[in-house]
Amino acid sequence: MGATTAKPFSETESKAFAKFLRSFKKDRGDMDEDEIQRSAENAWGKLLPYQKQLFEVKPRGVNIKKQAEVKRRRRLLEGLIYMGMA
C-alpha cells in the first residue's frame, strides 16, 4: 500500500493546484521533481478549503470603456474591408 495521488475535482481546483505547485517548487529547489510532486500533493490534501481558495485563479474583469473601443475598431476595420481599402 503506497501513497495515493489525489485527483482535483474541477478545472478550478486543477488550476489552483498548478499555482500551488509552482510556489511549492520555488521553496524546494534542492528536491528532485518526483519528490516535489509527492510532497506537494500531500501538502495540498492537508490544506483547508479557505487556504486552497487563496491559490484559485480569478478571471480578470473587462473594462467597459476598453470593450466599447474594441467594438468601435472592429466596426471600422469591417467597413474598410467591405470598401476594399484594407
C-alpha atoms as a PDB file:
ATOM      1  CA  MET A   1       0.000   0.000   0.000  1.00  0.00           C
ATOM      2  CA  GLY A   2       1.744   3.058  -1.245  1.00  0.00           C
ATOM      3  CA  ALA A   3       0.785   6.686  -1.226  1.00  0.00           C
ATOM      4  CA  THR A   4      -2.152   7.559  -3.435  1.00  0.00           C
ATOM      5  CA  THR A   5      -2.343  10.670  -5.538  1.00  0.00           C
ATOM      6  CA  ALA A   6      -5.358  12.902  -5.053  1.00  0.00           C
ATOM      7  CA  LYS A   7      -7.083  13.994  -8.235  1.00  0.00           C
ATOM      8  CA  PRO A   8      -8.512  17.530  -8.386  1.00  0.00           C
ATOM      9  CA  PHE A   9     -12.289  17.642  -8.620  1.00  0.00           C
ATOM     10  CA  SER A  10     -12.720  20.524 -11.038  1.00  0.00           C
ATOM     11  CA  GLU A  11     -10.856  22.655 -13.537  1.00  0.00           C
ATOM     12  CA  THR A  12     -10.749  25.477 -10.990  1.00  0.00           C
ATOM     13  CA  GLU A  13      -9.139  23.258  -8.386  1.00  0.00           C
ATOM     14  CA  SER A  14      -6.755  21.874 -11.001  1.00  0.00           C
ATOM     15  CA  LYS A  15      -5.560  25.390 -11.860  1.00  0.00           C
ATOM     16  CA  ALA A  16      -5.296  26.234  -8.165  1.00  0.00           C
ATOM     17  CA  PHE A  17      -3.148  23.148  -7.569  1.00  0.00           C
ATOM     18  CA  ALA A  18      -0.888  24.092 -10.503  1.00  0.00           C
ATOM     19  CA  LYS A  19      -0.405  27.559  -8.984  1.00  0.00           C
ATOM     20  CA  PHE A  20       0.288  25.965  -5.589  1.00  0.00           C
ATOM     21  CA  LEU A  21       2.793  23.577  -7.187  1.00  0.00           C
ATOM     22  CA  ARG A  22       4.717  26.473  -8.800  1.00  0.00           C
ATOM     23  CA  SER A  23       5.065  28.261  -5.464  1.00  0.00           C
ATOM     24  CA  PHE A  24       5.919  24.961  -3.728  1.00  0.00           C
ATOM     25  CA  LYS A  25       8.757  24.335  -6.222  1.00  0.00           C
ATOM     26  CA  LYS A  26      10.285  27.770  -5.595  1.00  0.00           C
ATOM     27  CA  ASP A  27      10.866  26.977  -1.939  1.00  0.00           C
ATOM     28  CA  ARG A  28      12.204  23.463  -2.501  1.00  0.00           C
ATOM     29  CA  GLY A  29      14.821  23.689  -5.226  1.00  0.00           C
ATOM     30  CA  ASP A  30      17.027  21.053  -3.624  1.00  0.00           C
ATOM     31  CA  MET A  31      14.482  18.225  -4.081  1.00  0.00           C
ATOM     32  CA  ASP A  32      14.002  16.185  -7.269  1.00  0.00           C
ATOM     33  CA  GLU A  33      10.805  16.512  -9.358  1.00  0.00           C
ATOM     34  CA  ASP A  34       9.108  13.312  -8.153  1.00  0.00           C
ATOM     35  CA  GLU A  35       9.727  14.148  -4.525  1.00  0.00           C
ATOM     36  CA  ILE A  36       8.414  17.683  -5.019  1.00  0.00           C
ATOM     37  CA  GLN A  37       5.274  16.352  -6.734  1.00  0.00           C
ATOM     38  CA  ARG A  38       4.557  13.849  -3.938  1.00  0.00           C
ATOM     39  CA  SER A  39       5.201  16.386  -1.200  1.00  0.00           C
ATOM     40  CA  ALA A  40       3.039  18.998  -2.922  1.00  0.00           C
ATOM     41  CA  GLU A  41       0.150  16.541  -3.319  1.00  0.00           C
ATOM     42  CA  ASN A  42       0.355  15.619   0.363  1.00  0.00           C
ATOM     43  CA  ALA A  43       0.530  19.269   1.416  1.00  0.00           C
ATOM     44  CA  TRP A  44      -2.394  20.180  -0.899  1.00  0.00           C
ATOM     45  CA  GLY A  45      -4.518  17.469   0.670  1.00  0.00           C
ATOM     46  CA  LYS A  46      -3.850  18.841   4.147  1.00  0.00           C
ATOM     47  CA  LEU A  47      -4.870  22.408   3.274  1.00  0.00           C
ATOM     48  CA  LEU A  48      -8.240  23.669   4.451  1.00  0.00           C
ATOM     49  CA  PRO A  49     -10.749  24.846   1.817  1.00  0.00           C
ATOM     50  CA  TYR A  50     -10.205  28.535   2.589  1.00  0.00           C
ATOM     51  CA  GLN A  51      -6.432  28.024   2.201  1.00  0.00           C
ATOM     52  CA  LYS A  52      -6.975  26.397  -1.200  1.00  0.00           C
ATOM     53  CA  GLN A  53      -9.073  29.375  -2.276  1.00  0.00           C
ATOM     54  CA  LEU A  54      -6.014  31.597  -1.918  1.00  0.00           C
ATOM     55  CA  PHE A  55      -4.494  29.804  -4.924  1.00  0.00           C
ATOM     56  CA  GLU A  56      -7.580  29.985  -7.164  1.00  0.00           C
ATOM     57  CA  VAL A  57      -7.071  31.804 -10.440  1.00  0.00           C
ATOM     58  CA  LYS A  58      -9.621  34.577 -10.662  1.00  0.00           C
ATOM     59  CA  PRO A  59     -10.759  35.869 -14.069  1.00  0.00           C
ATOM     60  CA  ARG A  60      -9.785  39.393 -14.931  1.00  0.00           C
ATOM     61  CA  GLY A  61     -12.578  41.899 -15.402  1.00  0.00           C
ATOM     62  CA  VAL A  62     -13.048  43.651 -18.728  1.00  0.00           C
ATOM     63  CA  ASN A  63     -13.113  47.418 -18.669  1.00  0.00           C
ATOM     64  CA  ILE A  64     -16.331  48.791 -20.231  1.00  0.00           C
ATOM     65  CA  LYS A  65     -14.502  51.639 -21.992  1.00  0.00           C
ATOM     66  CA  LYS A  66     -11.991  49.231 -23.498  1.00  0.00           C
ATOM     67  CA  GLN A  67     -14.800  46.932 -24.624  1.00  0.00           C
ATOM     68  CA  ALA A  68     -16.503  49.854 -26.413  1.00  0.00           C
ATOM     69  CA  GLU A  69     -13.189  50.841 -28.048  1.00  0.00           C
ATOM     70  CA  VAL A  70     -12.687  47.308 -29.361  1.00  0.00           C
ATOM     71  CA  LYS A  71     -16.191  47.295 -30.864  1.00  0.00           C
ATOM     72  CA  ARG A  72     -15.560  50.674 -32.490  1.00  0.00           C
ATOM     73  CA  ARG A  73     -12.259  49.482 -34.025  1.00  0.00           C
ATOM     74  CA  ARG A  74     -13.854  46.254 -35.233  1.00  0.00           C
ATOM     75  CA  ARG A  75     -16.664  48.163 -36.992  1.00  0.00           C
ATOM     76  CA  LEU A  76     -14.121  50.493 -38.585  1.00  0.00           C
ATOM     77  CA  LEU A  77     -12.000  47.586 -39.805  1.00  0.00           C
ATOM     78  CA  GLU A  78     -15.044  45.746 -41.167  1.00  0.00           C
ATOM     79  CA  GLY A  79     -16.039  48.912 -43.038  1.00  0.00           C
ATOM     80  CA  LEU A  80     -12.558  49.241 -44.554  1.00  0.00           C
ATOM     81  CA  ILE A  81     -12.545  45.606 -45.615  1.00  0.00           C
ATOM     82  CA  TYR A  82     -16.000  45.988 -47.139  1.00  0.00           C
ATOM     83  CA  MET A  83     -14.832  49.016 -49.118  1.00  0.00           C
ATOM     84  CA  GLY A  84     -11.694  47.140 -50.206  1.00  0.00           C
ATOM     85  CA  MET A  85      -9.291  49.547 -48.517  1.00  0.00           C
ATOM     86  CA  ALA A  86      -7.691  47.120 -46.084  1.00  0.00           C
END
